[in-house]
Amino acid sequence: MSGKPEVAAEGRLDGLKWALVTILVTAGVAGNVYYSEESVLYRALALVLLAILAGFVALQTVKGGAFWNLVKEAKIEIRKVVWPTRQETVQTTLVVVAVVVIMGLILWALDSLLGWIISSLIG
């Protein structure tokens, strides 16, 4: 039971944190427009810094923490993937190419046959 009030307290501050993120993003957009005469390098650096700051604040929320856990779990799952060998990849690619060519020929033949039938009926 002690975990629920803590989560509720964090959830109450989440609205303020998301408002701060919105303000940071808006400031970045407005600043980029306002300082359009400045060097692109300086504006890009400022935007990157604001984006990093907004991302850091967003990660402090409950949903941001859940997103970060999802990213960490995805990295773990990617390590578990058994990737095909080069030989398996080449063989699978050749099978796909062969099936596409065969289906293309079948559809071309069917189209030609139906076109010939329709043109002979129409005259």
PDB file of N, CA and C in Angstrom:
ATOM      1  N   MET A   1       0.797  -1.195   0.000  1.00  0.00           N
ATOM      2  CA  MET A   1       0.000   0.000   0.000  1.00  0.00           C
ATOM      3  C   MET A   1       0.841   1.262   0.000  1.00  0.00           C
ATOM      4  N   SER A   2       2.074   1.168   0.443  1.00  0.00           N
ATOM      5  CA  SER A   2       2.904   2.365   0.498  1.00  0.00           C
ATOM      6  C   SER A   2       3.316   2.838  -0.891  1.00  0.00           C
ATOM      7  N   GLY A   3       3.243   1.969  -1.898  1.00  0.00           N
ATOM      8  CA  GLY A   3       3.631   2.356  -3.247  1.00  0.00           C
ATOM      9  C   GLY A   3       2.589   3.211  -3.944  1.00  0.00           C
ATOM     10  N   LYS A   4       1.314   3.017  -3.614  1.00  0.00           N
ATOM     11  CA  LYS A   4       0.253   3.755  -4.296  1.00  0.00           C
ATOM     12  C   LYS A   4       0.258   5.248  -3.992  1.00  0.00           C
ATOM     13  N   PRO A   5       0.389   5.681  -2.735  1.00  0.00           N
ATOM     14  CA  PRO A   5       0.433   7.133  -2.510  1.00  0.00           C
ATOM     15  C   PRO A   5       1.635   7.789  -3.172  1.00  0.00           C
ATOM     16  N   GLU A   6       2.758   7.060  -3.251  1.00  0.00           N
ATOM     17  CA  GLU A   6       3.946   7.621  -3.898  1.00  0.00           C
ATOM     18  C   GLU A   6       3.695   7.837  -5.375  1.00  0.00           C
ATOM     19  N   VAL A   7       3.052   6.859  -6.027  1.00  0.00           N
ATOM     20  CA  VAL A   7       2.735   6.982  -7.451  1.00  0.00           C
ATOM     21  C   VAL A   7       1.743   8.115  -7.655  1.00  0.00           C
ATOM     22  N   ALA A   8       0.771   8.252  -6.742  1.00  0.00           N
ATOM     23  CA  ALA A   8      -0.216   9.320  -6.869  1.00  0.00           C
ATOM     24  C   ALA A   8       0.458  10.687  -6.735  1.00  0.00           C
ATOM     25  N   ALA A   9       1.432  10.794  -5.829  1.00  0.00           N
ATOM     26  CA  ALA A   9       2.135  12.061  -5.668  1.00  0.00           C
ATOM     27  C   ALA A   9       2.941  12.393  -6.914  1.00  0.00           C
ATOM     28  N   GLU A  10       3.577  11.387  -7.495  1.00  0.00           N
ATOM     29  CA  GLU A  10       4.328  11.626  -8.727  1.00  0.00           C
ATOM     30  C   GLU A  10       3.375  11.995  -9.861  1.00  0.00           C
ATOM     31  N   GLY A  11       2.197  11.359  -9.901  1.00  0.00           N
ATOM     32  CA  GLY A  11       1.224  11.635 -10.947  1.00  0.00           C
ATOM     33  C   GLY A  11       0.697  13.050 -10.876  1.00  0.00           C
ATOM     34  N   ARG A  12       0.596  13.619  -9.665  1.00  0.00           N
ATOM     35  CA  ARG A  12       0.106  14.993  -9.526  1.00  0.00           C
ATOM     36  C   ARG A  12       1.095  15.991 -10.116  1.00  0.00           C
ATOM     37  N   LEU A  13       2.371  15.692 -10.020  1.00  0.00           N
ATOM     38  CA  LEU A  13       3.382  16.593 -10.570  1.00  0.00           C
ATOM     39  C   LEU A  13       3.596  16.392 -12.065  1.00  0.00           C
ATOM     40  N   ASP A  14       3.072  15.295 -12.586  1.00  0.00           N
ATOM     41  CA  ASP A  14       3.256  15.013 -14.012  1.00  0.00           C
ATOM     42  C   ASP A  14       2.658  16.106 -14.895  1.00  0.00           C
ATOM     43  N   GLY A  15       1.537  16.649 -14.499  1.00  0.00           N
ATOM     44  CA  GLY A  15       0.923  17.717 -15.295  1.00  0.00           C
ATOM     45  C   GLY A  15       1.840  18.922 -15.415  1.00  0.00           C
ATOM     46  N   LEU A  16       2.484  19.264 -14.314  1.00  0.00           N
ATOM     47  CA  LEU A  16       3.432  20.390 -14.356  1.00  0.00           C
ATOM     48  C   LEU A  16       4.639  20.062 -15.226  1.00  0.00           C
ATOM     49  N   LYS A  17       5.105  18.836 -15.126  1.00  0.00           N
ATOM     50  CA  LYS A  17       6.269  18.435 -15.931  1.00  0.00           C
ATOM     51  C   LYS A  17       5.925  18.466 -17.418  1.00  0.00           C
ATOM     52  N   TRP A  18       4.735  17.968 -17.777  1.00  0.00           N
ATOM     53  CA  TRP A  18       4.344  17.996 -19.186  1.00  0.00           C
ATOM     54  C   TRP A  18       4.129  19.426 -19.663  1.00  0.00           C
ATOM     55  N   ALA A  19       3.643  20.279 -18.775  1.00  0.00           N
ATOM     56  CA  ALA A  19       3.499  21.697 -19.140  1.00  0.00           C
ATOM     57  C   ALA A  19       4.873  22.309 -19.404  1.00  0.00           C
ATOM     58  N   LEU A  20       5.850  21.952 -18.574  1.00  0.00           N
ATOM     59  CA  LEU A  20       7.212  22.454 -18.783  1.00  0.00           C
ATOM     60  C   LEU A  20       7.780  21.948 -20.109  1.00  0.00           C
ATOM     61  N   VAL A  21       7.518  20.690 -20.427  1.00  0.00           N
ATOM     62  CA  VAL A  21       7.971  20.140 -21.714  1.00  0.00           C
ATOM     63  C   VAL A  21       7.334  20.920 -22.858  1.00  0.00           C
ATOM     64  N   THR A  22       6.047  21.193 -22.744  1.00  0.00           N
ATOM     65  CA  THR A  22       5.351  21.952 -23.790  1.00  0.00           C
ATOM     66  C   THR A  22       5.938  23.355 -23.930  1.00  0.00           C
ATOM     67  N   ILE A  23       6.233  23.980 -22.801  1.00  0.00           N
ATOM     68  CA  ILE A  23       6.829  25.318 -22.830  1.00  0.00           C
ATOM     69  C   ILE A  23       8.203  25.281 -23.490  1.00  0.00           C
ATOM     70  N   LEU A  24       9.003  24.267 -23.169  1.00  0.00           N
ATOM     71  CA  LEU A  24      10.339  24.156 -23.769  1.00  0.00           C
ATOM     72  C   LEU A  24      10.262  23.963 -25.282  1.00  0.00           C
ATOM     73  N   VAL A  25       9.349  23.102 -25.717  1.00  0.00           N
ATOM     74  CA  VAL A  25       9.210  22.855 -27.160  1.00  0.00           C
ATOM     75  C   VAL A  25       8.702  24.116 -27.858  1.00  0.00           C
ATOM     76  N   THR A  26       7.729  24.780 -27.243  1.00  0.00           N
ATOM     77  CA  THR A  26       7.207  26.014 -27.828  1.00  0.00           C
ATOM     78  C   THR A  26       8.287  27.088 -27.893  1.00  0.00           C
ATOM     79  N   ALA A  27       9.092  27.187 -26.833  1.00  0.00           N
ATOM     80  CA  ALA A  27      10.192  28.158 -26.824  1.00  0.00           C
ATOM     81  C   ALA A  27      11.196  27.843 -27.924  1.00  0.00           C
ATOM     82  N   GLY A  28      11.443  26.568 -28.176  1.00  0.00           N
ATOM     83  CA  GLY A  28      12.356  26.193 -29.253  1.00  0.00           C
ATOM     84  C   GLY A  28      11.839  26.597 -30.613  1.00  0.00           C
ATOM     85  N   VAL A  29      10.561  26.333 -30.843  1.00  0.00           N
ATOM     86  CA  VAL A  29       9.965  26.696 -32.139  1.00  0.00           C
ATOM     87  C   VAL A  29       9.939  28.209 -32.308  1.00  0.00           C
ATOM     88  N   ALA A  30       9.469  28.912 -31.268  1.00  0.00           N
ATOM     89  CA  ALA A  30       9.377  30.369 -31.355  1.00  0.00           C
ATOM     90  C   ALA A  30      10.765  31.004 -31.466  1.00  0.00           C
ATOM     91  N   GLY A  31      11.719  30.476 -30.708  1.00  0.00           N
ATOM     92  CA  GLY A  31      13.078  31.007 -30.781  1.00  0.00           C
ATOM     93  C   GLY A  31      13.706  30.788 -32.139  1.00  0.00           C
ATOM     94  N   ASN A  32      13.417  29.646 -32.738  1.00  0.00           N
ATOM     95  CA  ASN A  32      13.957  29.361 -34.068  1.00  0.00           C
ATOM     96  C   ASN A  32      13.398  30.342 -35.094  1.00  0.00           C
ATOM     97  N   VAL A  33      12.126  30.692 -34.959  1.00  0.00           N
ATOM     98  CA  VAL A  33      11.521  31.655 -35.878  1.00  0.00           C
ATOM     99  C   VAL A  33      12.035  33.063 -35.590  1.00  0.00           C
ATOM    100  N   TYR A  34      12.098  33.424 -34.309  1.00  0.00           N
ATOM    101  CA  TYR A  34      12.500  34.777 -33.921  1.00  0.00           C
ATOM    102  C   TYR A  34      13.948  35.061 -34.314  1.00  0.00           C
ATOM    103  N   TYR A  35      14.823  34.074 -34.126  1.00  0.00           N
ATOM    104  CA  TYR A  35      16.241  34.257 -34.434  1.00  0.00           C
ATOM    105  C   TYR A  35      16.595  33.684 -35.807  1.00  0.00           C
ATOM    106  N   SER A  36      15.695  33.819 -36.755  1.00  0.00           N
ATOM    107  CA  SER A  36      15.926  33.241 -38.084  1.00  0.00           C
ATOM    108  C   SER A  36      17.112  33.876 -38.803  1.00  0.00           C
ATOM    109  N   GLU A  37      17.517  35.066 -38.389  1.00  0.00           N
ATOM    110  CA  GLU A  37      18.659  35.740 -39.015  1.00  0.00           C
ATOM    111  C   GLU A  37      19.999  35.209 -38.475  1.00  0.00           C
ATOM    112  N   GLU A  38      19.957  34.509 -37.360  1.00  0.00           N
ATOM    113  CA  GLU A  38      21.188  33.981 -36.769  1.00  0.00           C
ATOM    114  C   GLU A  38      21.668  32.769 -37.562  1.00  0.00           C
ATOM    115  N   SER A  39      22.874  32.353 -37.266  1.00  0.00           N
ATOM    116  CA  SER A  39      23.472  31.197 -37.937  1.00  0.00           C
ATOM    117  C   SER A  39      22.656  29.939 -37.660  1.00  0.00           C
ATOM    118  N   VAL A  40      22.565  29.099 -38.666  1.00  0.00           N
ATOM    119  CA  VAL A  40      21.836  27.846 -38.525  1.00  0.00           C
ATOM    120  C   VAL A  40      22.497  26.968 -37.461  1.00  0.00           C
ATOM    121  N   LEU A  41      23.808  27.028 -37.359  1.00  0.00           N
ATOM    122  CA  LEU A  41      24.522  26.232 -36.368  1.00  0.00           C
ATOM    123  C   LEU A  41      24.085  26.587 -34.959  1.00  0.00           C
ATOM    124  N   TYR A  42      24.015  27.879 -34.647  1.00  0.00           N
ATOM    125  CA  TYR A  42      23.616  28.299 -33.305  1.00  0.00           C
ATOM    126  C   TYR A  42      22.172  27.908 -33.009  1.00  0.00           C
ATOM    127  N   ARG A  43      21.309  28.085 -33.996  1.00  0.00           N
ATOM    128  CA  ARG A  43      19.909  27.717 -33.794  1.00  0.00           C
ATOM    129  C   ARG A  43      19.757  26.216 -33.605  1.00  0.00           C
ATOM    130  N   ALA A  44      20.516  25.430 -34.388  1.00  0.00           N
ATOM    131  CA  ALA A  44      20.445  23.975 -34.246  1.00  0.00           C
ATOM    132  C   ALA A  44      20.959  23.528 -32.882  1.00  0.00           C
ATOM    133  N   LEU A  45      22.058  24.126 -32.429  1.00  0.00           N
ATOM    134  CA  LEU A  45      22.576  23.783 -31.105  1.00  0.00           C
ATOM    135  C   LEU A  45      21.575  24.122 -30.007  1.00  0.00           C
ATOM    136  N   ALA A  46      20.933  25.265 -30.126  1.00  0.00           N
ATOM    137  CA  ALA A  46      19.930  25.657 -29.133  1.00  0.00           C
ATOM    138  C   ALA A  46      18.750  24.694 -29.147  1.00  0.00           C
ATOM    139  N   LEU A  47      18.312  24.305 -30.342  1.00  0.00           N
ATOM    140  CA  LEU A  47      17.201  23.366 -30.443  1.00  0.00           C
ATOM    141  C   LEU A  47      17.566  21.999 -29.870  1.00  0.00           C
ATOM    142  N   VAL A  48      18.781  21.551 -30.122  1.00  0.00           N
ATOM    143  CA  VAL A  48      19.214  20.261 -29.575  1.00  0.00           C
ATOM    144  C   VAL A  48      19.252  20.322 -28.047  1.00  0.00           C
ATOM    145  N   LEU A  49      19.787  21.413 -27.512  1.00  0.00           N
ATOM    146  CA  LEU A  49      19.833  21.558 -26.056  1.00  0.00           C
ATOM    147  C   LEU A  49      18.430  21.603 -25.453  1.00  0.00           C
ATOM    148  N   LEU A  50      17.521  22.335 -26.074  1.00  0.00           N
ATOM    149  CA  LEU A  50      16.144  22.378 -25.578  1.00  0.00           C
ATOM    150  C   LEU A  50      15.469  21.015 -25.691  1.00  0.00           C
ATOM    151  N   ALA A  51      15.750  20.288 -26.762  1.00  0.00           N
ATOM    152  CA  ALA A  51      15.160  18.960 -26.936  1.00  0.00           C
ATOM    153  C   ALA A  51      15.678  17.996 -25.876  1.00  0.00           C
ATOM    154  N   ILE A  52      16.973  18.073 -25.583  1.00  0.00           N
ATOM    155  CA  ILE A  52      17.544  17.209 -24.542  1.00  0.00           C
ATOM    156  C   ILE A  52      16.922  17.548 -23.191  1.00  0.00           C
ATOM    157  N   LEU A  53      16.797  18.822 -22.889  1.00  0.00           N
ATOM    158  CA  LEU A  53      16.198  19.247 -21.633  1.00  0.00           C
ATOM    159  C   LEU A  53      14.735  18.814 -21.545  1.00  0.00           C
ATOM    160  N   ALA A  54      13.974  18.984 -22.620  1.00  0.00           N
ATOM    161  CA  ALA A  54      12.571  18.566 -22.641  1.00  0.00           C
ATOM    162  C   ALA A  54      12.459  17.048 -22.494  1.00  0.00           C
ATOM    163  N   GLY A  55      13.345  16.307 -23.153  1.00  0.00           N
ATOM    164  CA  GLY A  55      13.340  14.850 -23.016  1.00  0.00           C
ATOM    165  C   GLY A  55      13.668  14.410 -21.606  1.00  0.00           C
ATOM    166  N   PHE A  56      14.613  15.084 -20.971  1.00  0.00           N
ATOM    167  CA  PHE A  56      14.977  14.755 -19.591  1.00  0.00           C
ATOM    168  C   PHE A  56      13.793  14.994 -18.659  1.00  0.00           C
ATOM    169  N   VAL A  57      13.104  16.124 -18.842  1.00  0.00           N
ATOM    170  CA  VAL A  57      11.940  16.414 -18.002  1.00  0.00           C
ATOM    171  C   VAL A  57      10.830  15.395 -18.281  1.00  0.00           C
ATOM    172  N   ALA A  58      10.610  15.052 -19.529  1.00  0.00           N
ATOM    173  CA  ALA A  58       9.565  14.087 -19.880  1.00  0.00           C
ATOM    174  C   ALA A  58       9.860  12.719 -19.285  1.00  0.00           C
ATOM    175  N   LEU A  59      11.133  12.326 -19.223  1.00  0.00           N
ATOM    176  CA  LEU A  59      11.486  11.025 -18.647  1.00  0.00           C
ATOM    177  C   LEU A  59      11.263  10.979 -17.143  1.00  0.00           C
ATOM    178  N   GLN A  60      11.107  12.116 -16.503  1.00  0.00           N
ATOM    179  CA  GLN A  60      10.864  12.154 -15.062  1.00  0.00           C
ATOM    180  C   GLN A  60       9.398  11.884 -14.728  1.00  0.00           C
ATOM    181  N   THR A  61       8.516  11.839 -15.728  1.00  0.00           N
ATOM    182  CA  THR A  61       7.101  11.565 -15.485  1.00  0.00           C
ATOM    183  C   THR A  61       6.884  10.059 -15.409  1.00  0.00           C
ATOM    184  N   VAL A  62       5.676   9.662 -14.989  1.00  0.00           N
ATOM    185  CA  VAL A  62       5.337   8.239 -14.899  1.00  0.00           C
ATOM    186  C   VAL A  62       5.360   7.610 -16.289  1.00  0.00           C
ATOM    187  N   LYS A  63       4.745   8.275 -17.253  1.00  0.00           N
ATOM    188  CA  LYS A  63       4.727   7.733 -18.618  1.00  0.00           C
ATOM    189  C   LYS A  63       6.116   7.735 -19.242  1.00  0.00           C
ATOM    190  N   GLY A  64       6.912   8.743 -18.923  1.00  0.00           N
ATOM    191  CA  GLY A  64       8.285   8.780 -19.429  1.00  0.00           C
ATOM    192  C   GLY A  64       9.106   7.636 -18.859  1.00  0.00           C
ATOM    193  N   GLY A  65       8.913   7.347 -17.563  1.00  0.00           N
ATOM    194  CA  GLY A  65       9.612   6.220 -16.950  1.00  0.00           C
ATOM    195  C   GLY A  65       9.190   4.897 -17.566  1.00  0.00           C
ATOM    196  N   ALA A  66       7.894   4.764 -17.858  1.00  0.00           N
ATOM    197  CA  ALA A  66       7.403   3.549 -18.507  1.00  0.00           C
ATOM    198  C   ALA A  66       7.990   3.413 -19.907  1.00  0.00           C
ATOM    199  N   PHE A  67       8.102   4.545 -20.614  1.00  0.00           N
ATOM    200  CA  PHE A  67       8.709   4.516 -21.949  1.00  0.00           C
ATOM    201  C   PHE A  67      10.168   4.083 -21.863  1.00  0.00           C
ATOM    202  N   TRP A  68      10.900   4.606 -20.880  1.00  0.00           N
ATOM    203  CA  TRP A  68      12.312   4.253 -20.743  1.00  0.00           C
ATOM    204  C   TRP A  68      12.466   2.770 -20.417  1.00  0.00           C
ATOM    205  N   ASN A  69      11.568   2.222 -19.576  1.00  0.00           N
ATOM    206  CA  ASN A  69      11.598   0.788 -19.286  1.00  0.00           C
ATOM    207  C   ASN A  69      11.321  -0.018 -20.548  1.00  0.00           C
ATOM    208  N   LEU A  70      10.403   0.447 -21.380  1.00  0.00           N
ATOM    209  CA  LEU A  70      10.110  -0.228 -22.644  1.00  0.00           C
ATOM    210  C   LEU A  70      11.342  -0.252 -23.542  1.00  0.00           C
ATOM    211  N   VAL A  71      12.070   0.855 -23.600  1.00  0.00           N
ATOM    212  CA  VAL A  71      13.277   0.922 -24.429  1.00  0.00           C
ATOM    213  C   VAL A  71      14.330  -0.069 -23.912  1.00  0.00           C
ATOM    214  N   LYS A  72      14.509  -0.114 -22.594  1.00  0.00           N
ATOM    215  CA  LYS A  72      15.496  -1.040 -22.030  1.00  0.00           C
ATOM    216  C   LYS A  72      15.108  -2.491 -22.285  1.00  0.00           C
ATOM    217  N   GLU A  73      13.816  -2.814 -22.137  1.00  0.00           N
ATOM    218  CA  GLU A  73      13.362  -4.171 -22.395  1.00  0.00           C
ATOM    219  C   GLU A  73      13.492  -4.532 -23.871  1.00  0.00           C
ATOM    220  N   ALA A  74      13.269  -3.572 -24.762  1.00  0.00           N
ATOM    221  CA  ALA A  74      13.411  -3.824 -26.195  1.00  0.00           C
ATOM    222  C   ALA A  74      14.861  -4.142 -26.540  1.00  0.00           C
ATOM    223  N   LYS A  75      15.805  -3.429 -25.904  1.00  0.00           N
ATOM    224  CA  LYS A  75      17.219  -3.722 -26.149  1.00  0.00           C
ATOM    225  C   LYS A  75      17.566  -5.134 -25.700  1.00  0.00           C
ATOM    226  N   ILE A  76      17.000  -5.564 -24.579  1.00  0.00           N
ATOM    227  CA  ILE A  76      17.245  -6.924 -24.088  1.00  0.00           C
ATOM    228  C   ILE A  76      16.676  -7.941 -25.068  1.00  0.00           C
ATOM    229  N   GLU A  77      15.473  -7.682 -25.573  1.00  0.00           N
ATOM    230  CA  GLU A  77      14.843  -8.611 -26.518  1.00  0.00           C
ATOM    231  C   GLU A  77      15.612  -8.682 -27.834  1.00  0.00           C
ATOM    232  N   ILE A  78      16.171  -7.562 -28.281  1.00  0.00           N
ATOM    233  CA  ILE A  78      16.935  -7.567 -29.534  1.00  0.00           C
ATOM    234  C   ILE A  78      18.166  -8.458 -29.400  1.00  0.00           C
ATOM    235  N   ARG A  79      18.764  -8.472 -28.200  1.00  0.00           N
ATOM    236  CA  ARG A  79      19.923  -9.342 -27.983  1.00  0.00           C
ATOM    237  C   ARG A  79      19.549 -10.814 -28.068  1.00  0.00           C
ATOM    238  N   LYS A  80      18.286 -11.152 -27.818  1.00  0.00           N
ATOM    239  CA  LYS A  80      17.838 -12.543 -27.828  1.00  0.00           C
ATOM    240  C   LYS A  80      17.527 -13.046 -29.236  1.00  0.00           C
ATOM    241  N   VAL A  81      17.425 -12.151 -30.204  1.00  0.00           N
ATOM    242  CA  VAL A  81      17.056 -12.546 -31.570  1.00  0.00           C
ATOM    243  C   VAL A  81      18.176 -13.374 -32.189  1.00  0.00           C
ATOM    244  N   VAL A  82      17.781 -14.472 -32.831  1.00  0.00           N
ATOM    245  CA  VAL A  82      18.744 -15.291 -33.562  1.00  0.00           C
ATOM    246  C   VAL A  82      18.676 -14.858 -35.020  1.00  0.00           C
ATOM    247  N   TRP A  83      19.710 -14.167 -35.470  1.00  0.00           N
ATOM    248  CA  TRP A  83      19.725 -13.630 -36.817  1.00  0.00           C
ATOM    249  C   TRP A  83      20.140 -14.718 -37.800  1.00  0.00           C
ATOM    250  N   PRO A  84      19.583 -14.713 -39.017  1.00  0.00           N
ATOM    251  CA  PRO A  84      19.952 -15.738 -40.002  1.00  0.00           C
ATOM    252  C   PRO A  84      21.390 -15.546 -40.488  1.00  0.00           C
ATOM    253  N   THR A  85      21.959 -16.657 -40.930  1.00  0.00           N
ATOM    254  CA  THR A  85      23.309 -16.588 -41.487  1.00  0.00           C
ATOM    255  C   THR A  85      23.231 -15.992 -42.891  1.00  0.00           C
ATOM    256  N   ARG A  86      24.400 -15.688 -43.438  1.00  0.00           N
ATOM    257  CA  ARG A  86      24.431 -15.122 -44.791  1.00  0.00           C
ATOM    258  C   ARG A  86      23.854 -16.118 -45.794  1.00  0.00           C
ATOM    259  N   GLN A  87      24.187 -17.392 -45.647  1.00  0.00           N
ATOM    260  CA  GLN A  87      23.699 -18.409 -46.573  1.00  0.00           C
ATOM    261  C   GLN A  87      22.169 -18.514 -46.499  1.00  0.00           C
ATOM    262  N   GLU A  88      21.604 -18.502 -45.300  1.00  0.00           N
ATOM    263  CA  GLU A  88      20.149 -18.567 -45.157  1.00  0.00           C
ATOM    264  C   GLU A  88      19.481 -17.345 -45.786  1.00  0.00           C
ATOM    265  N   THR A  89      20.082 -16.187 -45.621  1.00  0.00           N
ATOM    266  CA  THR A  89      19.525 -14.964 -46.192  1.00  0.00           C
ATOM    267  C   THR A  89      19.543 -15.013 -47.718  1.00  0.00           C
ATOM    268  N   VAL A  90      20.646 -15.475 -48.295  1.00  0.00           N
ATOM    269  CA  VAL A  90      20.756 -15.567 -49.759  1.00  0.00           C
ATOM    270  C   VAL A  90      19.749 -16.579 -50.294  1.00  0.00           C
ATOM    271  N   GLN A  91      19.645 -17.735 -49.648  1.00  0.00           N
ATOM    272  CA  GLN A  91      18.706 -18.754 -50.115  1.00  0.00           C
ATOM    273  C   GLN A  91      17.259 -18.263 -50.039  1.00  0.00           C
ATOM    274  N   THR A  92      16.898 -17.618 -48.952  1.00  0.00           N
ATOM    275  CA  THR A  92      15.540 -17.101 -48.809  1.00  0.00           C
ATOM    276  C   THR A  92      15.256 -16.031 -49.851  1.00  0.00           C
ATOM    277  N   THR A  93      16.228 -15.173 -50.105  1.00  0.00           N
ATOM    278  CA  THR A  93      16.055 -14.127 -51.107  1.00  0.00           C
ATOM    279  C   THR A  93      15.857 -14.732 -52.488  1.00  0.00           C
ATOM    280  N   LEU A  94      16.625 -15.754 -52.819  1.00  0.00           N
ATOM    281  CA  LEU A  94      16.483 -16.407 -54.122  1.00  0.00           C
ATOM    282  C   LEU A  94      15.117 -17.077 -54.269  1.00  0.00           C
ATOM    283  N   VAL A  95      14.613 -17.677 -53.197  1.00  0.00           N
ATOM    284  CA  VAL A  95      13.282 -18.292 -53.250  1.00  0.00           C
ATOM    285  C   VAL A  95      12.226 -17.222 -53.488  1.00  0.00           C
ATOM    286  N   VAL A  96      12.330 -16.092 -52.791  1.00  0.00           N
ATOM    287  CA  VAL A  96      11.357 -15.002 -52.966  1.00  0.00           C
ATOM    288  C   VAL A  96      11.418 -14.467 -54.393  1.00  0.00           C
ATOM    289  N   VAL A  97      12.608 -14.262 -54.933  1.00  0.00           N
ATOM    290  CA  VAL A  97      12.741 -13.755 -56.309  1.00  0.00           C
ATOM    291  C   VAL A  97      12.145 -14.748 -57.297  1.00  0.00           C
ATOM    292  N   ALA A  98      12.401 -16.040 -57.096  1.00  0.00           N
ATOM    293  CA  ALA A  98      11.862 -17.064 -58.000  1.00  0.00           C
ATOM    294  C   ALA A  98      10.337 -17.071 -57.958  1.00  0.00           C
ATOM    295  N   VAL A  99       9.752 -16.998 -56.778  1.00  0.00           N
ATOM    296  CA  VAL A  99       8.290 -17.002 -56.658  1.00  0.00           C
ATOM    297  C   VAL A  99       7.704 -15.753 -57.310  1.00  0.00           C
ATOM    298  N   VAL A 100       8.331 -14.610 -57.144  1.00  0.00           N
ATOM    299  CA  VAL A 100       7.837 -13.378 -57.761  1.00  0.00           C
ATOM    300  C   VAL A 100       7.894 -13.479 -59.280  1.00  0.00           C
ATOM    301  N   VAL A 101       8.976 -14.015 -59.821  1.00  0.00           N
ATOM    302  CA  VAL A 101       9.088 -14.162 -61.279  1.00  0.00           C
ATOM    303  C   VAL A 101       8.032 -15.134 -61.802  1.00  0.00           C
ATOM    304  N   ILE A 102       7.851 -16.261 -61.121  1.00  0.00           N
ATOM    305  CA  ILE A 102       6.863 -17.254 -61.570  1.00  0.00           C
ATOM    306  C   ILE A 102       5.456 -16.658 -61.515  1.00  0.00           C
ATOM    307  N   MET A 103       5.118 -15.972 -60.418  1.00  0.00           N
ATOM    308  CA  MET A 103       3.795 -15.360 -60.312  1.00  0.00           C
ATOM    309  C   MET A 103       3.609 -14.268 -61.360  1.00  0.00           C
ATOM    310  N   GLY A 104       4.661 -13.527 -61.652  1.00  0.00           N
ATOM    311  CA  GLY A 104       4.587 -12.506 -62.696  1.00  0.00           C
ATOM    312  C   GLY A 104       4.289 -13.115 -64.052  1.00  0.00           C
ATOM    313  N   LEU A 105       4.941 -14.226 -64.360  1.00  0.00           N
ATOM    314  CA  LEU A 105       4.686 -14.912 -65.638  1.00  0.00           C
ATOM    315  C   LEU A 105       3.269 -15.466 -65.696  1.00  0.00           C
ATOM    316  N   ILE A 106       2.804 -16.032 -64.579  1.00  0.00           N
ATOM    317  CA  ILE A 106       1.439 -16.572 -64.546  1.00  0.00           C
ATOM    318  C   ILE A 106       0.424 -15.449 -64.751  1.00  0.00           C
ATOM    319  N   LEU A 107       0.607 -14.343 -64.061  1.00  0.00           N
ATOM    320  CA  LEU A 107      -0.330 -13.230 -64.213  1.00  0.00           C
ATOM    321  C   LEU A 107      -0.264 -12.615 -65.607  1.00  0.00           C
ATOM    322  N   TRP A 108       0.932 -12.548 -66.205  1.00  0.00           N
ATOM    323  CA  TRP A 108       1.062 -12.037 -67.567  1.00  0.00           C
ATOM    324  C   TRP A 108       0.320 -12.948 -68.547  1.00  0.00           C
ATOM    325  N   ALA A 109       0.496 -14.267 -68.366  1.00  0.00           N
ATOM    326  CA  ALA A 109      -0.181 -15.211 -69.259  1.00  0.00           C
ATOM    327  C   ALA A 109      -1.690 -15.121 -69.097  1.00  0.00           C
ATOM    328  N   LEU A 110      -2.166 -15.014 -67.862  1.00  0.00           N
ATOM    329  CA  LEU A 110      -3.603 -14.911 -67.618  1.00  0.00           C
ATOM    330  C   LEU A 110      -4.159 -13.617 -68.202  1.00  0.00           C
ATOM    331  N   ASP A 111      -3.448 -12.524 -68.052  1.00  0.00           N
ATOM    332  CA  ASP A 111      -3.871 -11.246 -68.602  1.00  0.00           C
ATOM    333  C   ASP A 111      -3.927 -11.311 -70.124  1.00  0.00           C
ATOM    334  N   SER A 112      -2.896 -11.921 -70.723  1.00  0.00           N
ATOM    335  CA  SER A 112      -2.876 -12.039 -72.191  1.00  0.00           C
ATOM    336  C   SER A 112      -4.029 -12.905 -72.679  1.00  0.00           C
ATOM    337  N   LEU A 113      -4.297 -14.002 -71.983  1.00  0.00           N
ATOM    338  CA  LEU A 113      -5.386 -14.905 -72.386  1.00  0.00           C
ATOM    339  C   LEU A 113      -6.730 -14.204 -72.265  1.00  0.00           C
ATOM    340  N   LEU A 114      -6.967 -13.553 -71.133  1.00  0.00           N
ATOM    341  CA  LEU A 114      -8.244 -12.852 -70.958  1.00  0.00           C
ATOM    342  C   LEU A 114      -8.373 -11.695 -71.938  1.00  0.00           C
ATOM    343  N   GLY A 115      -7.299 -10.986 -72.215  1.00  0.00           N
ATOM    344  CA  GLY A 115      -7.327  -9.911 -73.207  1.00  0.00           C
ATOM    345  C   GLY A 115      -7.650 -10.441 -74.594  1.00  0.00           C
ATOM    346  N   TRP A 116      -7.075 -11.594 -74.963  1.00  0.00           N
ATOM    347  CA  TRP A 116      -7.346 -12.190 -76.264  1.00  0.00           C
ATOM    348  C   TRP A 116      -8.800 -12.629 -76.372  1.00  0.00           C
ATOM    349  N   ILE A 117      -9.330 -13.238 -75.278  1.00  0.00           N
ATOM    350  CA  ILE A 117     -10.731 -13.692 -75.264  1.00  0.00           C
ATOM    351  C   ILE A 117     -11.667 -12.499 -75.401  1.00  0.00           C
ATOM    352  N   ILE A 118     -11.434 -11.421 -74.639  1.00  0.00           N
ATOM    353  CA  ILE A 118     -12.303 -10.255 -74.686  1.00  0.00           C
ATOM    354  C   ILE A 118     -12.228  -9.585 -76.064  1.00  0.00           C
ATOM    355  N   SER A 119     -11.016  -9.473 -76.623  1.00  0.00           N
ATOM    356  CA  SER A 119     -10.896  -8.822 -77.937  1.00  0.00           C
ATOM    357  C   SER A 119     -11.551  -9.658 -79.030  1.00  0.00           C
ATOM    358  N   SER A 120     -11.535 -10.975 -78.882  1.00  0.00           N
ATOM    359  CA  SER A 120     -12.203 -11.800 -79.910  1.00  0.00           C
ATOM    360  C   SER A 120     -13.719 -11.731 -79.772  1.00  0.00           C
ATOM    361  N   LEU A 121     -14.225 -11.562 -78.530  1.00  0.00           N
ATOM    362  CA  LEU A 121     -15.667 -11.421 -78.351  1.00  0.00           C
ATOM    363  C   LEU A 121     -16.156 -10.062 -78.837  1.00  0.00           C
ATOM    364  N   ILE A 122     -15.384  -9.021 -78.599  1.00  0.00           N
ATOM    365  CA  ILE A 122     -15.792  -7.683 -79.001  1.00  0.00           C
ATOM    366  C   ILE A 122     -15.637  -7.507 -80.514  1.00  0.00           C
ATOM    367  N   GLY A 123     -14.626  -8.086 -81.043  1.00  0.00           N
ATOM    368  CA  GLY A 123     -14.477  -8.043 -82.489  1.00  0.00           C
ATOM    369  C   GLY A 123     -13.352  -7.205 -82.862  1.00  0.00           C
TER     370      GLY A 123
END
